[in-house]
Protein backbone atom coordinates (compact mmCIF):
# COMPACT_ATOMS: atom_id res chain seq x y z
CA UNK A 1 65.45 50.30 104.76
CA UNK A 2 64.21 48.93 101.45
CA UNK A 3 60.80 50.54 101.96
CA UNK A 4 62.45 53.88 102.73
CA UNK A 5 64.55 53.69 99.56
CA UNK A 6 61.47 52.95 97.47
CA UNK A 7 59.61 55.86 98.97
CA UNK A 8 62.44 58.28 98.27
CA UNK A 9 62.74 56.92 94.74
CA UNK A 10 59.05 57.60 94.14
CA UNK A 11 59.51 61.18 95.28
CA UNK A 12 62.49 61.61 92.98
CA UNK A 13 60.53 60.16 90.07
CA UNK A 14 57.79 62.66 90.79
CA UNK A 15 60.36 65.35 90.07
CA UNK A 16 60.49 66.78 93.57
CA UNK A 17 64.16 66.98 94.54
CA UNK A 18 65.73 69.30 97.12
CA UNK A 19 66.61 71.81 94.42
CA UNK A 20 63.30 71.43 92.62
CA UNK A 21 60.95 74.39 92.46
CA UNK A 22 58.13 72.45 94.18
CA UNK A 23 60.32 71.51 97.12
CA UNK A 24 61.68 75.04 97.39
CA UNK A 25 58.27 76.74 97.29
CA UNK A 26 56.33 74.30 99.46
CA UNK A 27 58.98 74.16 102.18
CA UNK A 28 58.53 77.90 102.74
CA UNK A 29 54.85 77.55 103.60
CA UNK A 30 53.50 77.24 107.17
CA UNK A 31 52.26 73.86 108.39
CA UNK A 32 48.61 74.97 108.29
CA UNK A 33 48.77 75.47 104.50
CA UNK A 34 50.73 72.26 103.91
CA UNK A 35 48.16 70.15 105.74
CA UNK A 36 45.61 71.23 103.13
CA UNK A 37 48.02 70.80 100.22
CA UNK A 38 48.67 67.16 101.12
CA UNK A 39 45.35 66.33 99.47
CA UNK A 40 46.36 67.84 96.10
CA UNK A 41 47.97 64.62 94.86
CA UNK A 42 49.83 61.56 96.09
CA UNK A 43 53.18 63.04 95.09
CA UNK A 44 52.68 66.17 97.18
CA UNK A 45 51.40 64.07 100.07
CA UNK A 46 54.55 61.91 99.97
CA UNK A 47 56.77 64.96 99.72
CA UNK A 48 55.12 66.84 102.60
CA UNK A 49 55.29 63.69 104.75
CA UNK A 50 58.97 63.07 104.02
CA UNK A 51 61.35 63.65 106.93
CA UNK A 52 63.89 65.57 104.81
CA UNK A 53 61.17 67.95 103.63
CA UNK A 54 59.88 68.35 107.19
CA UNK A 55 63.38 69.15 108.41
CA UNK A 56 63.73 71.97 105.87
CA UNK A 57 60.18 73.26 106.39
CA UNK A 58 60.68 73.32 110.17
CA UNK A 59 62.98 76.30 109.76
CA UNK A 60 59.86 78.35 108.89
CA UNK A 61 58.62 80.46 111.79
CA UNK A 62 55.20 79.04 112.66
CA UNK A 63 52.56 81.50 113.86
CA UNK A 64 50.37 80.72 116.84
CA UNK A 65 47.11 79.00 115.85
CA UNK A 66 45.49 78.84 119.27
CA UNK A 67 45.72 78.19 123.00
CA UNK A 68 45.38 74.95 124.96
CA UNK A 69 43.58 75.49 128.26
CA UNK A 70 42.90 73.01 131.04
CA UNK A 71 41.20 73.94 134.28
CA UNK A 72 42.28 72.89 137.78
CA UNK A 73 40.38 72.27 140.97
CA UNK A 74 41.41 74.48 143.87
CA UNK A 75 40.60 72.05 146.68
CA UNK A 76 40.16 68.63 145.02
CA UNK A 77 43.30 66.57 144.27
CA UNK A 78 41.83 64.92 141.15
CA UNK A 79 42.70 66.38 137.75
CA UNK A 80 40.17 67.82 135.34
CA UNK A 81 40.46 65.73 132.17
CA UNK A 82 38.98 68.17 129.64
CA UNK A 83 41.50 70.04 127.47
CA UNK A 84 40.10 72.79 125.24
CA UNK A 85 41.79 74.17 122.14
CA UNK A 86 40.86 77.82 121.53
CA UNK A 87 41.69 78.78 117.93
CA UNK A 88 42.95 82.30 117.29
CA UNK A 89 40.71 82.48 114.20
CA UNK A 90 37.43 82.05 116.04
CA UNK A 91 35.33 82.70 112.95
CA UNK A 92 36.72 79.69 111.08
CA UNK A 93 36.77 77.07 113.84
CA UNK A 94 34.93 76.19 117.00
CA UNK A 95 36.39 75.18 120.36
CA UNK A 96 37.80 71.65 120.28
CA UNK A 97 37.98 69.26 123.23
CA UNK A 98 39.23 66.08 121.51
CA UNK A 99 42.70 67.21 120.46
CA UNK A 100 44.43 64.55 122.59
CA UNK A 101 41.96 61.71 122.09
CA UNK A 102 44.64 59.76 120.16
CA UNK A 103 46.65 59.24 123.36
CA UNK A 104 46.01 56.01 125.32
CA UNK A 105 45.31 57.86 128.59
CA UNK A 106 43.62 60.99 129.83
CA UNK A 107 46.34 63.60 130.32
CA UNK A 108 47.21 66.95 131.83
CA UNK A 109 49.07 69.32 129.50
CA UNK A 110 52.37 70.59 130.86
CA UNK A 111 54.22 72.39 128.09
CA UNK A 112 54.14 73.25 124.40
CA UNK A 113 57.16 74.04 122.25
CA UNK A 114 57.31 74.55 118.47
CA UNK A 115 54.35 72.30 117.74
CA UNK A 116 55.15 69.50 120.18
CA UNK A 117 53.25 69.08 123.45
CA UNK A 118 54.30 67.47 126.74
CA UNK A 119 51.59 65.89 128.92
CA UNK A 120 51.37 63.71 132.01
CA UNK A 121 48.93 61.11 133.29
CA UNK A 122 45.88 62.35 135.15
CA UNK A 123 45.65 61.90 138.93
CA UNK A 124 44.79 59.47 140.46
CA UNK A 125 47.59 57.57 138.74
CA UNK A 126 47.41 53.92 137.65
CA UNK A 127 50.42 53.81 135.32
CA UNK A 128 52.01 57.27 135.66
CA UNK A 129 53.69 58.40 132.46
CA UNK A 130 54.85 61.47 130.58
CA UNK A 131 53.88 61.83 126.93
CA UNK A 132 55.54 63.92 124.23
CA UNK A 133 53.29 64.18 121.20
CA UNK A 134 52.41 66.02 118.01
CA UNK A 135 48.61 66.45 117.73
CA UNK A 136 48.86 67.18 113.98
CA UNK A 137 50.10 63.73 112.92
CA UNK A 138 49.14 61.98 116.21
CA UNK A 139 52.71 60.84 116.86
CA UNK A 140 53.51 60.22 120.51
CA UNK A 141 56.21 58.82 122.80
CA UNK A 142 55.55 57.48 126.28
CA UNK A 143 58.14 57.94 129.03
CA UNK A 144 58.19 56.38 132.48
CA UNK A 145 57.40 58.86 135.21
CA UNK A 146 59.13 57.71 138.35
CA UNK A 147 58.20 59.32 141.66
CA UNK A 148 55.24 61.19 140.12
CA UNK A 149 54.20 64.48 141.67
CA UNK A 150 51.25 66.29 140.14
CA UNK A 151 52.75 69.63 141.13
CA UNK A 152 55.95 69.02 139.13
CA UNK A 153 56.75 71.69 136.55
CA UNK A 154 58.02 69.84 133.47
CA UNK A 155 58.91 71.94 130.41
CA UNK A 156 59.48 70.65 126.88
CA UNK A 157 62.43 72.06 124.95
CA UNK A 158 62.46 71.47 121.19
CA UNK A 159 64.30 73.57 118.62
CA UNK A 160 63.57 72.37 115.06
CA UNK A 161 66.60 74.28 113.79
CA UNK A 162 68.92 72.18 115.96
CA UNK A 163 67.12 69.09 117.25
CA UNK A 164 65.66 67.65 114.08
CA UNK A 165 67.85 65.28 112.08
CA UNK A 166 67.13 63.10 109.07
CA UNK A 167 66.33 59.95 111.04
CA UNK A 168 65.03 61.17 114.41
CA UNK A 169 63.66 64.09 116.42
CA UNK A 170 65.52 65.05 119.57
CA UNK A 171 64.08 67.02 122.48
CA UNK A 172 64.71 67.71 126.15
CA UNK A 173 62.51 67.90 129.22
CA UNK A 174 63.43 70.14 132.15
CA UNK A 175 61.82 69.50 135.52
CA UNK A 176 62.21 72.23 138.13
CA UNK A 177 61.61 71.51 141.82
CA UNK A 178 62.00 73.50 145.00
CA UNK A 179 63.81 72.20 148.08
CA UNK A 180 64.76 73.48 151.51
CA UNK A 181 68.24 73.46 153.03
CA UNK A 182 69.06 72.58 156.63
CA UNK A 183 69.12 76.30 157.38
CA UNK A 184 65.61 76.64 155.90
CA UNK A 185 66.75 78.42 152.73
CA UNK A 186 64.74 77.58 149.62
CA UNK A 187 66.28 76.78 146.24
CA UNK A 188 65.29 75.42 142.84
CA UNK A 189 67.00 72.41 141.25
CA UNK A 190 66.75 71.18 137.66
CA UNK A 191 66.42 67.65 136.27
CA UNK A 192 67.03 67.15 132.56
CA UNK A 193 65.80 64.39 130.25
CA UNK A 194 67.49 63.97 126.84
CA UNK A 195 65.67 61.91 124.23
CA UNK A 196 69.01 61.06 122.62
CA UNK A 197 70.13 59.21 125.78
CA UNK A 198 66.69 58.21 127.05
CA UNK A 199 67.67 59.09 130.64
CA UNK A 200 67.14 61.74 133.31
CA UNK A 201 70.01 63.40 135.12
CA UNK A 202 70.27 66.04 137.83
CA UNK A 203 71.90 69.31 136.80
CA UNK A 204 74.58 70.68 139.12
CA UNK A 205 72.94 74.09 138.91
CA UNK A 206 70.71 75.40 141.70
CA UNK A 207 69.06 78.77 142.19
CA UNK A 208 68.28 80.16 145.64
CA UNK A 209 64.81 81.68 145.69
CA UNK A 210 62.16 81.86 148.40
CA UNK A 211 59.28 82.51 145.97
CA UNK A 212 56.98 79.86 144.52
CA UNK A 213 56.37 79.23 140.83
CA UNK A 214 53.21 80.97 139.62
CA UNK A 215 50.91 79.34 137.07
CA UNK A 216 53.40 76.43 137.04
CA UNK A 217 54.68 76.48 133.44
CA UNK A 218 57.82 77.61 131.64
CA UNK A 219 58.26 79.85 128.59
CA UNK A 220 61.08 78.92 126.17
CA UNK A 221 62.60 81.95 124.42
CA UNK A 222 65.99 82.09 122.71
CA UNK A 223 67.35 78.94 124.34
CA UNK A 224 66.31 80.07 127.83
CA UNK A 225 63.46 78.82 130.00
CA UNK A 226 61.49 81.29 132.11
CA UNK A 227 59.11 80.73 135.02
CA UNK A 228 57.03 83.46 136.63
CA UNK A 229 57.15 83.41 140.44
CA UNK A 230 54.73 84.84 142.98
CA UNK A 231 57.38 87.38 143.99
CA UNK A 232 58.89 90.16 141.92
CA UNK A 233 61.24 87.89 139.98
CA UNK A 234 61.35 85.50 137.00
CA UNK A 235 63.33 82.28 137.33
CA UNK A 236 65.45 81.53 134.25
CA UNK A 237 67.49 78.53 133.10
CA UNK A 238 69.81 78.40 130.10
CA UNK A 239 69.29 74.89 128.72
CA UNK A 240 72.60 74.77 126.83
CA UNK A 241 75.07 75.80 129.55
CA UNK A 242 72.77 74.94 132.48
CA UNK A 243 73.04 78.30 134.24
CA UNK A 244 70.16 79.90 136.13
CA UNK A 245 69.49 83.36 137.49
CA UNK A 246 66.64 85.60 138.62
CA UNK A 247 65.28 88.56 136.66
CA UNK A 248 63.35 91.31 138.40
CA UNK A 249 59.97 92.12 136.86
CA UNK A 250 59.61 95.65 135.40
CA UNK A 251 57.18 96.83 138.08
CA UNK A 252 57.43 95.50 141.64
CA UNK A 253 54.53 94.95 144.01
CA UNK A 254 55.79 97.84 146.16
CA UNK A 255 55.29 100.22 143.22
CA UNK A 256 51.64 99.22 142.77
CA UNK A 257 49.09 100.33 145.31
CA UNK A 258 46.31 98.08 143.99
CA UNK A 259 45.92 94.37 143.26
CA UNK A 260 47.44 93.17 140.00
CA UNK A 261 47.64 90.03 137.86
CA UNK A 262 50.39 89.07 135.44
CA UNK A 263 51.76 86.46 133.06
CA UNK A 264 54.82 86.03 130.85
CA UNK A 265 54.91 85.17 127.16
CA UNK A 266 56.76 85.57 123.89
CA UNK A 267 56.42 87.79 120.84
CA UNK A 268 58.95 88.49 118.07
CA UNK A 269 61.46 86.24 119.82
CA UNK A 270 61.45 88.35 123.01
CA UNK A 271 60.25 87.67 126.54
CA UNK A 272 57.17 89.69 127.53
CA UNK A 273 55.71 90.54 130.92
CA UNK A 274 51.99 91.32 130.83
CA UNK A 275 50.35 93.03 133.79
CA UNK A 276 46.87 94.32 134.50
CA UNK A 277 46.11 96.51 137.51
CA UNK A 278 44.22 99.65 138.44
CA UNK A 279 46.78 101.49 136.29
CA UNK A 280 45.68 99.57 133.18
CA UNK A 281 46.94 96.86 130.84
CA UNK A 282 50.71 96.93 130.19
CA UNK A 283 53.02 94.90 127.95
CA UNK A 284 56.75 95.00 128.73
CA UNK A 285 59.51 93.24 126.79
CA UNK A 286 62.97 92.32 128.08
CA UNK A 287 65.52 94.23 126.01
CA UNK A 288 68.70 93.25 127.86
CA UNK A 289 69.27 90.09 129.93
CA UNK A 290 72.49 91.37 131.47
CA UNK A 291 71.18 94.71 132.70
CA UNK A 292 67.64 93.40 133.29
CA UNK A 293 66.36 96.24 131.12
CA UNK A 294 62.63 96.24 130.36
CA UNK A 295 60.85 98.46 127.84
CA UNK A 296 57.15 99.30 127.89
CA UNK A 297 55.79 98.32 124.45
CA UNK A 298 52.05 98.82 124.86
CA UNK A 299 49.87 100.40 127.54
CA UNK A 300 46.14 101.01 127.86
CA UNK A 301 44.29 102.50 130.80
CA UNK A 302 41.18 100.71 132.04
CA UNK A 303 39.06 103.69 131.03
CA UNK A 304 40.30 103.48 127.43
CA UNK A 305 39.78 99.71 127.32
CA UNK A 306 36.22 100.19 128.52
CA UNK A 307 35.56 102.90 125.92
CA UNK A 308 36.90 100.66 123.14
CA UNK A 309 34.93 97.59 124.27
CA UNK A 310 31.86 98.75 126.23
CA UNK A 311 29.93 95.54 125.52
CA UNK A 312 32.67 93.39 127.08
CA UNK A 313 34.12 95.59 129.81
CA UNK A 314 31.27 97.44 131.45
CA UNK A 315 32.36 99.30 134.64
CA UNK A 316 35.81 97.74 134.28
CA UNK A 317 37.78 100.34 136.22
CA UNK A 318 35.38 100.40 139.14
CA UNK A 319 35.24 96.60 139.46
CA UNK A 320 39.03 96.22 139.41
CA UNK A 321 39.47 99.02 141.94
CA UNK A 322 37.03 97.43 144.42
CA UNK A 323 38.53 93.95 144.10
CA UNK A 324 40.15 92.68 147.33
CA UNK A 325 43.94 92.69 147.37
CA UNK A 326 44.17 88.98 148.23
CA UNK A 327 41.91 86.95 145.97
CA UNK A 328 42.57 83.56 144.38
CA UNK A 329 39.95 84.34 141.72
CA UNK A 330 40.64 87.90 140.47
CA UNK A 331 38.10 89.74 138.35
CA UNK A 332 40.58 90.01 135.45
CA UNK A 333 43.42 87.62 134.75
CA UNK A 334 45.87 87.57 131.79
CA UNK A 335 46.18 83.83 131.11
CA UNK A 336 48.77 83.61 128.29
CA UNK A 337 50.46 85.81 125.69
CA UNK A 338 52.02 84.89 122.35
CA UNK A 339 52.68 86.68 119.05
CA UNK A 340 50.76 89.80 120.04
CA UNK A 341 47.66 87.90 121.19
CA UNK A 342 46.55 87.83 124.82
CA UNK A 343 44.13 85.27 126.22
CA UNK A 344 42.42 86.95 129.16
CA UNK A 345 39.66 86.07 131.58
CA UNK A 346 37.24 88.84 132.56
CA UNK A 347 34.89 87.73 135.31
CA UNK A 348 33.21 84.54 133.99
CA UNK A 349 34.20 84.97 130.32
CA UNK A 350 37.30 84.27 128.21
CA UNK A 351 38.47 86.77 125.57
CA UNK A 352 41.15 87.08 122.90
CA UNK A 353 42.81 90.51 122.80
CA UNK A 354 44.90 91.51 119.75
CA UNK A 355 47.42 94.07 120.91
CA UNK A 356 48.28 95.70 117.57
CA UNK A 357 44.67 96.27 116.51
CA UNK A 358 43.08 96.53 119.99
CA UNK A 359 40.49 94.05 118.70
CA UNK A 360 38.74 91.95 121.33
CA UNK A 361 36.84 88.71 120.67
CA UNK A 362 34.64 86.88 123.13
CA UNK A 363 35.55 83.18 123.26
CA UNK A 364 33.20 81.56 125.75
CA UNK A 365 32.08 81.45 129.34
CA UNK A 366 34.45 79.72 131.76
CA UNK A 367 31.83 77.00 132.16
CA UNK A 368 32.24 76.23 128.45
CA UNK A 369 35.69 74.84 129.23
CA UNK A 370 34.23 71.91 131.17
CA UNK A 371 33.69 73.17 134.71
CA UNK A 372 33.17 76.46 136.51
CA UNK A 373 36.66 76.34 138.03
CA UNK A 374 38.85 79.33 137.13
CA UNK A 375 41.59 78.61 139.66
CA UNK A 376 45.04 78.91 138.00
CA UNK A 377 44.26 76.99 134.79
CA UNK A 378 47.11 75.69 132.65
CA UNK A 379 47.18 77.72 129.43
CA UNK A 380 49.65 77.00 126.61
CA UNK A 381 50.10 78.82 123.29
CA UNK A 382 50.07 76.29 120.45
CA UNK A 383 51.45 76.30 116.90
CA UNK A 384 51.27 73.58 114.26
CA UNK A 385 54.16 71.38 113.19
CA UNK A 386 54.73 68.54 110.71
CA UNK A 387 57.52 67.09 112.86
CA UNK A 388 57.47 63.32 113.31
CA UNK A 389 58.47 61.69 116.58
CA UNK A 390 58.42 58.08 115.35
């Protein structure tokens, strides 16, 4: 306590109070800028590292800085340990594969939310654990993982506007699992971990659904978690009131005569459904949760995409059309979408596609991610945060 009082006194002596112009201006800047400004002087470094400043700055909407991608083996039970960070600004930074080297174990990424990342131990397990961490300041918390299952979908929920207080950072984990009733009906159940209590509990809510989770990760938008299924529906769970329901996707499989691939994501605080098929690349956003109303925001035919990017998408339409309907390794696959940026795999290459400008950047070959496996990789949008966990 004495050390904390001295630190705050030093900040006050530096002339940086809550109502001071420095505090007011700096707290409006994104984390990426503040990380550079910490080196200006010791006073700014102390201010930017202070929990009260971080709490105020966390109200700033942080833009996406990149994607975390980790490949998976299709037939082998072992986990691939390499995690690659793909920066959105490819010209200013190269791919990074040591983002989580500060953790004591090799991990598999599970979820990312407002700058914090949830991971689990790699299989085969020796001391199975779940980690919640902030790669920016290398803070991390280790949680016991009882009854580990490498297929568990565990989603991190962190809202800096609500869950950050002066002395601690609160978060929740939601684990969704599918079970079968005696009458062979399938349903999803939800387990919730609260950092404030340090314990797991089983929610009373269940959701009957015969579909399986696709790409095995949840998207947190407006207090609601969303999971894409391999059917025509999206599983949702309201974290606050613990209610779940199913949302029909904007275009069902019956309406599409060809093979298609899809993913869900977020942009401008809205849930998006991204689909690519013989009909082209489409971006839908959910306008109304109660009426399940979707609006088509962007659409490009395959012919137009090929005309715009002939060096990347040669014979795109013909290759997609000839692709078998059932294929675990499709020719094109939208991997993740956030803030108007789509990470997409085309054959053996990874690209960034900017929706507003139609700009397309080649990232790397799939083999550049560690292995040649392209089977349902885990892909998480990532933004920076100054939030401290310890």
